[in-house]
Amino acid sequence: MLILVPWKPVAIFVLVMAAFIMFGYFASAFMRGQNPFAEDWKNAKQIMAGQSVTHATPTHKTKRAALHAAQ
């Protein structure tokens, strides 16, 4: 049995859903005060280099933390 699907309404539905998702992303970014078009170049370069984003930069230690670690 051959099942015929009208593809034009399916394509329109998919495009409308994609537009809703994009609009929601942009609206939530603007409400948080962020630029949705800004790229995070620092993390992108670390990912391309194969480094872990969380461990790419050394952490800053205060003098008190250094003295505590030395004991």
PDB file of N, CA and C in Angstrom:
ATOM      1  N   MET A   1       0.844  -1.179   0.000  1.00  0.00           N
ATOM      2  CA  MET A   1       0.000   0.000   0.000  1.00  0.00           C
ATOM      3  C   MET A   1       0.890   1.243   0.000  1.00  0.00           C
ATOM      4  N   LEU A   2       0.599   2.155  -0.844  1.00  0.00           N
ATOM      5  CA  LEU A   2       1.366   3.382  -0.990  1.00  0.00           C
ATOM      6  C   LEU A   2       0.712   4.487  -0.164  1.00  0.00           C
ATOM      7  N   ILE A   3       1.501   5.097   0.721  1.00  0.00           N
ATOM      8  CA  ILE A   3       0.996   6.178   1.559  1.00  0.00           C
ATOM      9  C   ILE A   3       1.498   7.491   0.965  1.00  0.00           C
ATOM     10  N   LEU A   4       0.600   8.331   0.566  1.00  0.00           N
ATOM     11  CA  LEU A   4       0.963   9.609  -0.032  1.00  0.00           C
ATOM     12  C   LEU A   4       0.930  10.693   1.050  1.00  0.00           C
ATOM     13  N   VAL A   5       2.000  11.475   1.100  1.00  0.00           N
ATOM     14  CA  VAL A   5       2.114  12.543   2.087  1.00  0.00           C
ATOM     15  C   VAL A   5       2.194  13.870   1.352  1.00  0.00           C
ATOM     16  N   PRO A   6       1.328  14.810   1.689  1.00  0.00           N
ATOM     17  CA  PRO A   6       1.449  16.137   1.076  1.00  0.00           C
ATOM     18  C   PRO A   6       2.633  16.885   1.708  1.00  0.00           C
ATOM     19  N   TRP A   7       3.723  17.033   0.972  1.00  0.00           N
ATOM     20  CA  TRP A   7       4.965  17.562   1.544  1.00  0.00           C
ATOM     21  C   TRP A   7       4.942  19.067   1.756  1.00  0.00           C
ATOM     22  N   LYS A   8       4.142  19.807   1.001  1.00  0.00           N
ATOM     23  CA  LYS A   8       4.129  21.257   1.159  1.00  0.00           C
ATOM     24  C   LYS A   8       3.669  21.670   2.563  1.00  0.00           C
ATOM     25  N   PRO A   9       2.578  21.146   3.113  1.00  0.00           N
ATOM     26  CA  PRO A   9       2.199  21.517   4.484  1.00  0.00           C
ATOM     27  C   PRO A   9       3.216  21.044   5.535  1.00  0.00           C
ATOM     28  N   VAL A  10       3.849  19.920   5.296  1.00  0.00           N
ATOM     29  CA  VAL A  10       4.867  19.415   6.229  1.00  0.00           C
ATOM     30  C   VAL A  10       6.063  20.368   6.236  1.00  0.00           C
ATOM     31  N   ALA A  11       6.492  20.807   5.064  1.00  0.00           N
ATOM     32  CA  ALA A  11       7.621  21.728   4.983  1.00  0.00           C
ATOM     33  C   ALA A  11       7.280  23.069   5.633  1.00  0.00           C
ATOM     34  N   ILE A  12       6.086  23.564   5.407  1.00  0.00           N
ATOM     35  CA  ILE A  12       5.671  24.827   6.032  1.00  0.00           C
ATOM     36  C   ILE A  12       5.649  24.683   7.544  1.00  0.00           C
ATOM     37  N   PHE A  13       5.141  23.585   8.045  1.00  0.00           N
ATOM     38  CA  PHE A  13       5.097  23.351   9.492  1.00  0.00           C
ATOM     39  C   PHE A  13       6.507  23.324  10.086  1.00  0.00           C
ATOM     40  N   VAL A  14       7.437  22.630   9.426  1.00  0.00           N
ATOM     41  CA  VAL A  14       8.816  22.551   9.924  1.00  0.00           C
ATOM     42  C   VAL A  14       9.459  23.935   9.933  1.00  0.00           C
ATOM     43  N   LEU A  15       9.251  24.705   8.885  1.00  0.00           N
ATOM     44  CA  LEU A  15       9.817  26.055   8.828  1.00  0.00           C
ATOM     45  C   LEU A  15       9.231  26.969   9.905  1.00  0.00           C
ATOM     46  N   VAL A  16       7.954  26.864  10.172  1.00  0.00           N
ATOM     47  CA  VAL A  16       7.323  27.677  11.218  1.00  0.00           C
ATOM     48  C   VAL A  16       7.879  27.291  12.586  1.00  0.00           C
ATOM     49  N   MET A  17       8.042  26.006  12.828  1.00  0.00           N
ATOM     50  CA  MET A  17       8.604  25.569  14.113  1.00  0.00           C
ATOM     51  C   MET A  17      10.051  26.051  14.268  1.00  0.00           C
ATOM     52  N   ALA A  18      10.837  25.999  13.206  1.00  0.00           N
ATOM     53  CA  ALA A  18      12.213  26.492  13.270  1.00  0.00           C
ATOM     54  C   ALA A  18      12.235  27.992  13.546  1.00  0.00           C
ATOM     55  N   ALA A  19      11.312  28.738  12.944  1.00  0.00           N
ATOM     56  CA  ALA A  19      11.227  30.177  13.190  1.00  0.00           C
ATOM     57  C   ALA A  19      10.861  30.452  14.645  1.00  0.00           C
ATOM     58  N   PHE A  20       9.956  29.676  15.218  1.00  0.00           N
ATOM     59  CA  PHE A  20       9.592  29.842  16.637  1.00  0.00           C
ATOM     60  C   PHE A  20      10.798  29.595  17.543  1.00  0.00           C
ATOM     61  N   ILE A  21      11.564  28.574  17.245  1.00  0.00           N
ATOM     62  CA  ILE A  21      12.737  28.257  18.066  1.00  0.00           C
ATOM     63  C   ILE A  21      13.762  29.378  17.975  1.00  0.00           C
ATOM     64  N   MET A  22      14.041  29.862  16.767  1.00  0.00           N
ATOM     65  CA  MET A  22      15.007  30.948  16.614  1.00  0.00           C
ATOM     66  C   MET A  22      14.517  32.221  17.295  1.00  0.00           C
ATOM     67  N   PHE A  23      13.243  32.546  17.148  1.00  0.00           N
ATOM     68  CA  PHE A  23      12.696  33.740  17.788  1.00  0.00           C
ATOM     69  C   PHE A  23      12.796  33.620  19.303  1.00  0.00           C
ATOM     70  N   GLY A  24      12.512  32.453  19.843  1.00  0.00           N
ATOM     71  CA  GLY A  24      12.618  32.247  21.290  1.00  0.00           C
ATOM     72  C   GLY A  24      14.042  32.393  21.783  1.00  0.00           C
ATOM     73  N   TYR A  25      14.996  31.901  21.018  1.00  0.00           N
ATOM     74  CA  TYR A  25      16.409  32.025  21.407  1.00  0.00           C
ATOM     75  C   TYR A  25      16.837  33.486  21.418  1.00  0.00           C
ATOM     76  N   PHE A  26      16.506  34.214  20.353  1.00  0.00           N
ATOM     77  CA  PHE A  26      16.891  35.623  20.285  1.00  0.00           C
ATOM     78  C   PHE A  26      16.190  36.439  21.360  1.00  0.00           C
ATOM     79  N   ALA A  27      14.917  36.176  21.586  1.00  0.00           N
ATOM     80  CA  ALA A  27      14.176  36.930  22.595  1.00  0.00           C
ATOM     81  C   ALA A  27      14.746  36.675  23.991  1.00  0.00           C
ATOM     82  N   SER A  28      15.077  35.432  24.308  1.00  0.00           N
ATOM     83  CA  SER A  28      15.619  35.148  25.643  1.00  0.00           C
ATOM     84  C   SER A  28      17.010  35.751  25.806  1.00  0.00           C
ATOM     85  N   ALA A  29      17.812  35.770  24.731  1.00  0.00           N
ATOM     86  CA  ALA A  29      19.136  36.381  24.816  1.00  0.00           C
ATOM     87  C   ALA A  29      19.021  37.886  25.035  1.00  0.00           C
ATOM     88  N   PHE A  30      18.116  38.540  24.330  1.00  0.00           N
ATOM     89  CA  PHE A  30      17.942  39.975  24.517  1.00  0.00           C
ATOM     90  C   PHE A  30      17.395  40.294  25.903  1.00  0.00           C
ATOM     91  N   MET A  31      16.513  39.448  26.429  1.00  0.00           N
ATOM     92  CA  MET A  31      15.967  39.688  27.768  1.00  0.00           C
ATOM     93  C   MET A  31      17.041  39.543  28.835  1.00  0.00           C
ATOM     94  N   ARG A  32      18.033  38.678  28.609  1.00  0.00           N
ATOM     95  CA  ARG A  32      19.150  38.521  29.548  1.00  0.00           C
ATOM     96  C   ARG A  32      20.229  39.576  29.343  1.00  0.00           C
ATOM     97  N   GLY A  33      20.075  40.409  28.319  1.00  0.00           N
ATOM     98  CA  GLY A  33      21.050  41.462  28.055  1.00  0.00           C
ATOM     99  C   GLY A  33      22.277  40.973  27.318  1.00  0.00           C
ATOM    100  N   GLN A  34      22.167  39.864  26.614  1.00  0.00           N
ATOM    101  CA  GLN A  34      23.295  39.323  25.865  1.00  0.00           C
ATOM    102  C   GLN A  34      23.078  39.553  24.378  1.00  0.00           C
ATOM    103  N   ASN A  35      24.159  39.538  23.640  1.00  0.00           N
ATOM    104  CA  ASN A  35      24.090  39.660  22.192  1.00  0.00           C
ATOM    105  C   ASN A  35      24.064  38.249  21.605  1.00  0.00           C
ATOM    106  N   PRO A  36      22.962  37.844  20.973  1.00  0.00           N
ATOM    107  CA  PRO A  36      22.894  36.478  20.441  1.00  0.00           C
ATOM    108  C   PRO A  36      23.791  36.261  19.228  1.00  0.00           C
ATOM    109  N   PHE A  37      24.292  37.346  18.633  1.00  0.00           N
ATOM    110  CA  PHE A  37      25.127  37.220  17.446  1.00  0.00           C
ATOM    111  C   PHE A  37      26.609  37.223  17.778  1.00  0.00           C
ATOM    112  N   ALA A  38      26.977  37.504  19.026  1.00  0.00           N
ATOM    113  CA  ALA A  38      28.388  37.541  19.418  1.00  0.00           C
ATOM    114  C   ALA A  38      28.937  36.119  19.478  1.00  0.00           C
ATOM    115  N   GLU A  39      30.147  35.966  18.976  1.00  0.00           N
ATOM    116  CA  GLU A  39      30.792  34.655  18.994  1.00  0.00           C
ATOM    117  C   GLU A  39      31.800  34.616  20.121  1.00  0.00           C
ATOM    118  N   ASP A  40      31.914  33.485  20.755  1.00  0.00           N
ATOM    119  CA  ASP A  40      32.855  33.313  21.848  1.00  0.00           C
ATOM    120  C   ASP A  40      34.163  32.796  21.258  1.00  0.00           C
ATOM    121  N   TRP A  41      35.002  33.709  20.767  1.00  0.00           N
ATOM    122  CA  TRP A  41      36.215  33.312  20.061  1.00  0.00           C
ATOM    123  C   TRP A  41      37.222  32.635  20.961  1.00  0.00           C
ATOM    124  N   LYS A  42      37.266  33.015  22.242  1.00  0.00           N
ATOM    125  CA  LYS A  42      38.243  32.413  23.157  1.00  0.00           C
ATOM    126  C   LYS A  42      37.999  30.911  23.281  1.00  0.00           C
ATOM    127  N   ASN A  43      36.767  30.523  23.553  1.00  0.00           N
ATOM    128  CA  ASN A  43      36.466  29.104  23.695  1.00  0.00           C
ATOM    129  C   ASN A  43      36.518  28.385  22.353  1.00  0.00           C
ATOM    130  N   ALA A  44      36.155  29.060  21.277  1.00  0.00           N
ATOM    131  CA  ALA A  44      36.176  28.419  19.962  1.00  0.00           C
ATOM    132  C   ALA A  44      37.607  28.058  19.572  1.00  0.00           C
ATOM    133  N   LYS A  45      38.550  28.951  19.838  1.00  0.00           N
ATOM    134  CA  LYS A  45      39.948  28.659  19.498  1.00  0.00           C
ATOM    135  C   LYS A  45      40.496  27.519  20.352  1.00  0.00           C
ATOM    136  N   GLN A  46      40.081  27.447  21.623  1.00  0.00           N
ATOM    137  CA  GLN A  46      40.561  26.370  22.483  1.00  0.00           C
ATOM    138  C   GLN A  46      39.980  25.027  22.057  1.00  0.00           C
ATOM    139  N   ILE A  47      38.737  25.034  21.627  1.00  0.00           N
ATOM    140  CA  ILE A  47      38.118  23.789  21.177  1.00  0.00           C
ATOM    141  C   ILE A  47      38.789  23.312  19.891  1.00  0.00           C
ATOM    142  N   MET A  48      39.083  24.229  18.985  1.00  0.00           N
ATOM    143  CA  MET A  48      39.744  23.854  17.734  1.00  0.00           C
ATOM    144  C   MET A  48      41.151  23.324  17.996  1.00  0.00           C
ATOM    145  N   ALA A  49      41.810  23.818  19.056  1.00  0.00           N
ATOM    146  CA  ALA A  49      43.153  23.359  19.376  1.00  0.00           C
ATOM    147  C   ALA A  49      43.131  22.036  20.139  1.00  0.00           C
ATOM    148  N   GLY A  50      41.954  21.565  20.499  1.00  0.00           N
ATOM    149  CA  GLY A  50      41.837  20.299  21.206  1.00  0.00           C
ATOM    150  C   GLY A  50      42.006  20.413  22.700  1.00  0.00           C
ATOM    151  N   GLN A  51      41.927  21.624  23.230  1.00  0.00           N
ATOM    152  CA  GLN A  51      42.063  21.813  24.660  1.00  0.00           C
ATOM    153  C   GLN A  51      40.686  21.784  25.310  1.00  0.00           C
ATOM    154  N   SER A  52      40.676  21.408  26.548  1.00  0.00           N
ATOM    155  CA  SER A  52      39.436  21.455  27.306  1.00  0.00           C
ATOM    156  C   SER A  52      39.139  22.899  27.652  1.00  0.00           C
ATOM    157  N   VAL A  53      37.906  23.318  27.471  1.00  0.00           N
ATOM    158  CA  VAL A  53      37.538  24.700  27.723  1.00  0.00           C
ATOM    159  C   VAL A  53      37.638  25.026  29.205  1.00  0.00           C
ATOM    160  N   THR A  54      37.313  24.083  30.066  1.00  0.00           N
ATOM    161  CA  THR A  54      37.317  24.365  31.496  1.00  0.00           C
ATOM    162  C   THR A  54      38.721  24.422  32.062  1.00  0.00           C
ATOM    163  N   HIS A  55      39.685  23.754  31.443  1.00  0.00           N
ATOM    164  CA  HIS A  55      41.042  23.722  31.972  1.00  0.00           C
ATOM    165  C   HIS A  55      42.044  24.441  31.066  1.00  0.00           C
ATOM    166  N   ALA A  56      41.577  25.289  30.183  1.00  0.00           N
ATOM    167  CA  ALA A  56      42.467  25.915  29.221  1.00  0.00           C
ATOM    168  C   ALA A  56      43.321  27.010  29.849  1.00  0.00           C
ATOM    169  N   THR A  57      42.784  27.727  30.823  1.00  0.00           N
ATOM    170  CA  THR A  57      43.528  28.818  31.432  1.00  0.00           C
ATOM    171  C   THR A  57      43.842  28.465  32.874  1.00  0.00           C
ATOM    172  N   PRO A  58      45.024  28.828  33.346  1.00  0.00           N
ATOM    173  CA  PRO A  58      45.340  28.532  34.752  1.00  0.00           C
ATOM    174  C   PRO A  58      44.494  29.390  35.683  1.00  0.00           C
ATOM    175  N   THR A  59      44.216  28.850  36.839  1.00  0.00           N
ATOM    176  CA  THR A  59      43.406  29.584  37.806  1.00  0.00           C
ATOM    177  C   THR A  59      44.296  30.502  38.621  1.00  0.00           C
ATOM    178  N   HIS A  60      43.747  31.613  39.036  1.00  0.00           N
ATOM    179  CA  HIS A  60      44.480  32.584  39.836  1.00  0.00           C
ATOM    180  C   HIS A  60      44.385  32.182  41.309  1.00  0.00           C
ATOM    181  N   LYS A  61      45.524  32.085  41.964  1.00  0.00           N
ATOM    182  CA  LYS A  61      45.534  31.727  43.373  1.00  0.00           C
ATOM    183  C   LYS A  61      45.996  32.923  44.192  1.00  0.00           C
ATOM    184  N   THR A  62      45.334  33.149  45.285  1.00  0.00           N
ATOM    185  CA  THR A  62      45.729  34.247  46.162  1.00  0.00           C
ATOM    186  C   THR A  62      46.908  33.803  47.039  1.00  0.00           C
ATOM    187  N   LYS A  63      47.506  34.754  47.698  1.00  0.00           N
ATOM    188  CA  LYS A  63      48.634  34.435  48.566  1.00  0.00           C
ATOM    189  C   LYS A  63      48.208  33.516  49.713  1.00  0.00           C
ATOM    190  N   ARG A  64      46.996  33.746  50.229  1.00  0.00           N
ATOM    191  CA  ARG A  64      46.507  32.916  51.316  1.00  0.00           C
ATOM    192  C   ARG A  64      46.330  31.464  50.844  1.00  0.00           C
ATOM    193  N   ALA A  65      45.800  31.282  49.640  1.00  0.00           N
ATOM    194  CA  ALA A  65      45.615  29.941  49.112  1.00  0.00           C
ATOM    195  C   ALA A  65      46.970  29.268  48.859  1.00  0.00           C
ATOM    196  N   ALA A  66      47.962  30.045  48.395  1.00  0.00           N
ATOM    197  CA  ALA A  66      49.284  29.480  48.161  1.00  0.00           C
ATOM    198  C   ALA A  66      49.939  29.068  49.472  1.00  0.00           C
ATOM    199  N   LEU A  67      49.782  29.882  50.516  1.00  0.00           N
ATOM    200  CA  LEU A  67      50.349  29.526  51.819  1.00  0.00           C
ATOM    201  C   LEU A  67      49.656  28.303  52.411  1.00  0.00           C
ATOM    202  N   HIS A  68      48.354  28.229  52.211  1.00  0.00           N
ATOM    203  CA  HIS A  68      47.592  27.087  52.728  1.00  0.00           C
ATOM    204  C   HIS A  68      47.986  25.798  51.998  1.00  0.00           C
ATOM    205  N   ALA A  69      48.227  25.883  50.714  1.00  0.00           N
ATOM    206  CA  ALA A  69      48.615  24.713  49.936  1.00  0.00           C
ATOM    207  C   ALA A  69      50.025  24.255  50.280  1.00  0.00           C
ATOM    208  N   ALA A  70      50.886  25.203  50.670  1.00  0.00           N
ATOM    209  CA  ALA A  70      52.279  24.873  50.998  1.00  0.00           C
ATOM    210  C   ALA A  70      52.394  24.155  52.350  1.00  0.00           C
ATOM    211  N   GLN A  71      51.424  24.325  53.200  1.00  0.00           N
ATOM    212  CA  GLN A  71      51.500  23.724  54.548  1.00  0.00           C
ATOM    213  C   GLN A  71      51.200  22.267  54.536  1.00  0.00           C
TER     214      GLN A  71
END
